[in-house]
Amino acid sequence: MDKLLYVAMTGAAHIDRGQTVHANNLANVGTTGFRADLAQARAVQVFGDGYAGRVYALAENPASDLSQGGMVDTGRDLDVAIQGGGFFAVQTADGHEAYTRAGDFTVDSLGNLRTGTGQQVMGDGGPITLPPYQRLTVGADGTITIQPEGQGAEALVQADRLKLVNPAPGEVTKGTDGLFHAAASSANGKLASSADVHVVSGVLEASNVNAIHEMTSILELARQFELEVRMMQSAQKNDETASTLVNVQ
């Protein structure tokens, strides 16, 4: 059988993987703080017996786009957005520390500060738990100040401070849970707090997905997939023709 079939087959398989990345980006165009995943393809030459004339396609997800998303003014005290680089630290269900740009916080019945998807928000000293309060403000450095329940406006208390990190390129990678995780080289899988990260209260950061780019990428990959299918059909016809010639002899 002509090895062209295998070349076209791997090309189609990796195009399908690229489609998955772009489709996931498009599905999260409205997700707060979402970071678009990047997809790329490269050619990989195959070496073996005989002349190395076959080149296979390989699709990769090398990183995520960390550029700033648009800012949406909500006026809600617990909506917080990061200006520039940096991440909020959160605690996952298995107790590990992870990082996100989503600042749509809520306070549960036990006073735990959580993200909109349920992860507990981390402070410099651990998970943040707030006492009952009448009013809450978040400062530019992540400091959470509350007016305790039943007390006047003059009795303000600094309850905690958001843990804000600013990793260098390559220090975090995006996991299947949509959160960013510290590289294996980091101490205990955690990053140190950074004083260089600044936040804005009453604002949410939107997804940085460019819907037009994702749509055009999906259409382009669809055309490439059709080409790979035609190549597979050509390989099949070549094989059938070769078999006919052998039978005639």
Protein backbone atom coordinates (compact mmCIF):
# COMPACT_ATOMS: atom_id res chain seq x y z
CA MET A 1 0.00 0.00 0.00
CA ASP A 2 1.27 3.50 -0.82
CA LYS A 3 2.63 5.20 2.30
CA LEU A 4 0.92 8.38 1.09
CA LEU A 5 -2.13 7.04 2.89
CA TYR A 6 -0.38 7.17 6.25
CA VAL A 7 0.96 10.66 5.60
CA ALA A 8 -2.52 11.95 4.75
CA MET A 9 -4.06 10.07 7.67
CA THR A 10 -1.71 11.63 10.25
CA GLY A 11 -2.28 15.06 8.69
CA ALA A 12 -6.04 14.67 9.04
CA ALA A 13 -5.73 13.42 12.64
CA HIS A 14 -3.63 16.38 13.71
CA ILE A 15 -5.88 18.85 11.88
CA ASP A 16 -8.72 17.43 13.95
CA ARG A 17 -6.71 18.16 17.12
CA GLY A 18 -6.15 21.73 15.97
CA GLN A 19 -9.87 22.09 15.34
CA THR A 20 -10.53 21.00 18.92
CA VAL A 21 -8.29 23.76 20.29
CA HIS A 22 -9.93 26.50 18.21
CA ALA A 23 -13.45 25.21 18.92
CA ASN A 24 -12.73 25.25 22.67
CA ASN A 25 -11.47 28.83 22.40
CA LEU A 26 -14.61 29.86 20.55
CA ALA A 27 -16.81 28.15 23.14
CA ASN A 28 -15.14 30.23 25.88
CA VAL A 29 -15.41 33.62 24.19
CA GLY A 30 -17.74 34.70 26.99
CA THR A 31 -15.88 33.07 29.90
CA THR A 32 -14.50 35.53 32.45
CA GLY A 33 -10.69 35.65 32.48
CA PHE A 34 -10.30 32.87 29.91
CA ARG A 35 -6.95 32.65 28.13
CA ALA A 36 -7.02 31.40 24.54
CA ASP A 37 -4.99 28.28 23.77
CA LEU A 38 -2.54 28.47 20.89
CA ALA A 39 -2.28 25.79 18.22
CA GLN A 40 0.43 25.24 15.66
CA ALA A 41 1.50 22.59 13.17
CA ARG A 42 4.97 21.54 12.12
CA ALA A 43 6.43 19.05 9.70
CA VAL A 44 8.34 16.05 11.08
CA GLN A 45 10.50 14.05 8.70
CA VAL A 46 10.37 10.29 9.12
CA PHE A 47 13.64 8.39 8.98
CA GLY A 48 13.94 4.66 8.48
CA ASP A 49 14.86 2.10 5.84
CA GLY A 50 15.32 3.66 2.43
CA TYR A 51 15.18 7.28 1.42
CA ALA A 52 13.72 9.66 4.03
CA GLY A 53 11.18 11.23 1.72
CA ARG A 54 8.12 11.18 3.96
CA VAL A 55 7.15 14.13 6.14
CA TYR A 56 4.36 13.85 8.68
CA ALA A 57 2.28 16.65 10.20
CA LEU A 58 2.29 17.23 13.94
CA ALA A 59 -0.19 19.51 15.71
CA GLU A 60 0.88 21.09 18.99
CA ASN A 61 -0.56 23.25 21.76
CA PRO A 62 2.65 25.09 22.72
CA ALA A 63 1.20 27.63 25.14
CA SER A 64 -1.68 29.94 25.94
CA ASP A 65 -2.21 33.54 24.90
CA LEU A 66 -1.57 35.62 28.03
CA SER A 67 -2.49 38.99 26.54
CA GLN A 68 -4.90 41.23 28.44
CA GLY A 69 -8.61 40.75 27.86
CA GLY A 70 -11.15 43.56 27.73
CA MET A 71 -12.35 45.17 30.97
CA VAL A 72 -16.06 45.08 31.83
CA ASP A 73 -17.32 47.53 34.46
CA THR A 74 -19.76 45.81 36.85
CA GLY A 75 -19.68 48.05 39.92
CA ARG A 76 -19.78 44.94 42.15
CA ASP A 77 -17.41 45.01 45.14
CA LEU A 78 -16.38 41.36 44.75
CA ASP A 79 -15.61 41.63 41.04
CA VAL A 80 -11.86 42.16 40.69
CA ALA A 81 -9.62 42.32 37.60
CA ILE A 82 -5.85 42.31 37.25
CA GLN A 83 -4.21 45.14 35.33
CA GLY A 84 -1.32 43.84 33.24
CA GLY A 85 0.46 40.61 34.08
CA GLY A 86 -0.28 38.34 37.01
CA PHE A 87 -2.74 35.81 38.40
CA PHE A 88 -4.99 35.21 41.39
CA ALA A 89 -4.02 32.17 43.47
CA VAL A 90 -6.77 29.64 44.21
CA GLN A 91 -7.02 26.26 45.89
CA THR A 92 -8.25 23.33 43.82
CA ALA A 93 -10.51 20.56 45.10
CA ASP A 94 -7.50 18.31 45.79
CA GLY A 95 -5.83 20.99 47.93
CA HIS A 96 -3.22 22.12 45.41
CA GLU A 97 -2.57 25.73 44.46
CA ALA A 98 -3.46 26.94 40.98
CA TYR A 99 -3.81 30.29 39.23
CA THR A 100 -6.53 32.12 37.33
CA ARG A 101 -7.41 35.49 35.85
CA ALA A 102 -11.10 35.15 36.74
CA GLY A 103 -11.96 37.56 39.54
CA ASP A 104 -15.72 36.97 39.81
CA PHE A 105 -15.59 36.24 43.55
CA THR A 106 -18.38 35.22 45.90
CA VAL A 107 -18.61 34.52 49.63
CA ASP A 108 -20.25 31.24 50.64
CA SER A 109 -22.34 30.58 53.77
CA LEU A 110 -19.19 29.84 55.79
CA GLY A 111 -17.48 33.06 54.79
CA ASN A 112 -15.07 31.41 52.37
CA LEU A 113 -14.08 33.58 49.41
CA ARG A 114 -14.53 31.59 46.20
CA THR A 115 -14.28 32.08 42.46
CA GLY A 116 -17.32 31.85 40.24
CA THR A 117 -16.41 28.21 39.49
CA GLY A 118 -16.05 27.24 43.15
CA GLN A 119 -12.30 27.31 43.88
CA GLN A 120 -11.36 28.88 47.22
CA VAL A 121 -9.39 32.09 46.80
CA MET A 122 -5.97 32.14 48.45
CA GLY A 123 -4.51 34.92 50.57
CA ASP A 124 -0.89 35.40 51.55
CA GLY A 125 -1.50 33.18 54.60
CA GLY A 126 -3.78 30.56 53.06
CA PRO A 127 -7.43 30.27 52.00
CA ILE A 128 -9.40 33.46 52.66
CA THR A 129 -12.30 33.30 55.09
CA LEU A 130 -14.16 36.52 55.91
CA PRO A 131 -16.18 37.34 59.06
CA PRO A 132 -19.68 38.76 58.65
CA TYR A 133 -19.46 42.25 57.17
CA GLN A 134 -21.60 45.12 55.98
CA ARG A 135 -19.23 46.49 53.36
CA LEU A 136 -16.13 45.25 51.58
CA THR A 137 -13.49 46.92 49.44
CA VAL A 138 -10.46 45.53 47.59
CA GLY A 139 -7.44 47.80 47.26
CA ALA A 140 -5.10 48.05 44.28
CA ASP A 141 -2.59 45.78 46.04
CA GLY A 142 -5.23 43.12 46.75
CA THR A 143 -5.86 44.14 50.36
CA ILE A 144 -9.39 43.22 51.49
CA THR A 145 -10.88 45.75 53.92
CA ILE A 146 -14.25 45.17 55.57
CA GLN A 147 -16.68 47.06 57.74
CA PRO A 148 -17.67 44.41 60.32
CA GLU A 149 -21.33 43.67 60.75
CA GLY A 150 -23.01 45.91 63.30
CA GLN A 151 -20.18 48.47 63.42
CA GLY A 152 -19.82 51.95 61.99
CA ALA A 153 -17.90 53.09 58.93
CA GLU A 154 -15.00 54.18 61.13
CA ALA A 155 -14.37 50.60 62.32
CA LEU A 156 -12.70 49.31 59.16
CA VAL A 157 -10.62 46.13 59.44
CA GLN A 158 -8.03 44.70 57.05
CA ALA A 159 -9.31 41.15 56.76
CA ASP A 160 -6.73 39.65 54.38
CA ARG A 161 -4.85 40.18 51.14
CA LEU A 162 -5.33 38.36 47.88
CA LYS A 163 -2.35 36.25 46.90
CA LEU A 164 -1.21 37.71 43.58
CA VAL A 165 1.58 36.11 41.58
CA ASN A 166 3.45 37.28 38.50
CA PRO A 167 5.21 34.27 36.96
CA ALA A 168 7.94 34.57 34.37
CA PRO A 169 7.32 33.05 30.91
CA GLY A 170 7.35 29.28 31.16
CA GLU A 171 6.71 29.17 34.92
CA VAL A 172 3.04 28.22 34.52
CA THR A 173 1.19 25.93 32.16
CA LYS A 174 -2.52 25.58 31.55
CA GLY A 175 -4.13 22.38 32.79
CA THR A 176 -7.16 20.46 31.58
CA ASP A 177 -9.16 22.11 34.39
CA GLY A 178 -8.72 25.51 32.72
CA LEU A 179 -6.48 26.75 35.55
CA PHE A 180 -2.79 27.53 35.35
CA HIS A 181 -0.35 25.44 37.37
CA ALA A 182 3.23 26.07 38.45
CA ALA A 183 5.98 24.26 36.56
CA ALA A 184 7.53 21.22 38.20
CA SER A 185 10.65 23.24 39.01
CA SER A 186 8.71 25.53 41.37
CA ALA A 187 9.02 24.94 45.11
CA ASN A 188 6.15 22.71 46.31
CA GLY A 189 4.27 23.56 43.12
CA LYS A 190 3.62 27.09 44.37
CA LEU A 191 4.67 30.55 43.25
CA ALA A 192 5.68 33.39 45.56
CA SER A 193 3.46 36.43 46.02
CA SER A 194 4.35 39.49 43.98
CA ALA A 195 3.96 43.13 44.97
CA ASP A 196 4.08 44.13 41.29
CA VAL A 197 0.56 42.90 40.50
CA HIS A 198 -2.24 45.48 40.71
CA VAL A 199 -5.99 44.94 40.68
CA VAL A 200 -9.10 47.01 40.02
CA SER A 201 -12.31 46.49 41.99
CA GLY A 202 -15.76 46.61 40.39
CA VAL A 203 -14.39 45.34 37.08
CA LEU A 204 -14.14 41.93 35.41
CA GLU A 205 -11.67 40.90 32.74
CA ALA A 206 -13.33 39.31 29.73
CA SER A 207 -11.93 36.43 27.69
CA ASN A 208 -9.07 37.37 25.37
CA VAL A 209 -10.40 35.11 22.60
CA ASN A 210 -10.69 36.76 19.19
CA ALA A 211 -13.87 35.18 17.83
CA ILE A 212 -13.16 36.21 14.21
CA HIS A 213 -9.68 34.69 14.30
CA GLU A 214 -11.00 31.44 15.77
CA MET A 215 -13.76 31.17 13.16
CA THR A 216 -11.41 31.77 10.23
CA SER A 217 -8.93 29.25 11.69
CA ILE A 218 -11.68 26.63 11.96
CA LEU A 219 -12.73 27.23 8.33
CA GLU A 220 -9.12 27.07 7.13
CA LEU A 221 -8.51 23.80 8.95
CA ALA A 222 -11.75 22.38 7.53
CA ARG A 223 -10.47 23.03 3.99
CA GLN A 224 -7.14 21.41 4.87
CA PHE A 225 -8.97 18.38 6.25
CA GLU A 226 -10.88 18.00 2.98
CA LEU A 227 -7.55 18.06 1.11
CA GLU A 228 -6.18 15.28 3.33
CA VAL A 229 -9.29 13.19 2.65
CA ARG A 230 -8.82 13.63 -1.11
CA MET A 231 -5.19 12.53 -0.71
CA MET A 232 -6.36 9.37 1.08
CA GLN A 233 -8.82 8.69 -1.72
CA SER A 234 -6.02 9.14 -4.28
CA ALA A 235 -3.84 6.71 -2.32
CA GLN A 236 -6.66 4.17 -2.38
CA LYS A 237 -7.11 4.54 -6.14
CA ASN A 238 -3.35 4.17 -6.67
CA ASP A 239 -3.39 0.98 -4.62
CA GLU A 240 -6.36 -0.43 -6.54
CA THR A 241 -4.69 0.40 -9.87
CA ALA A 242 -1.44 -1.23 -8.77
CA SER A 243 -3.30 -4.37 -7.70
CA THR A 244 -5.05 -4.54 -11.09
CA LEU A 245 -1.70 -4.32 -12.93
CA VAL A 246 -0.27 -7.11 -10.80
CA ASN A 247 -3.26 -9.34 -11.52
CA VAL A 248 -2.96 -8.70 -15.26
CA GLN A 249 0.66 -9.86 -15.22
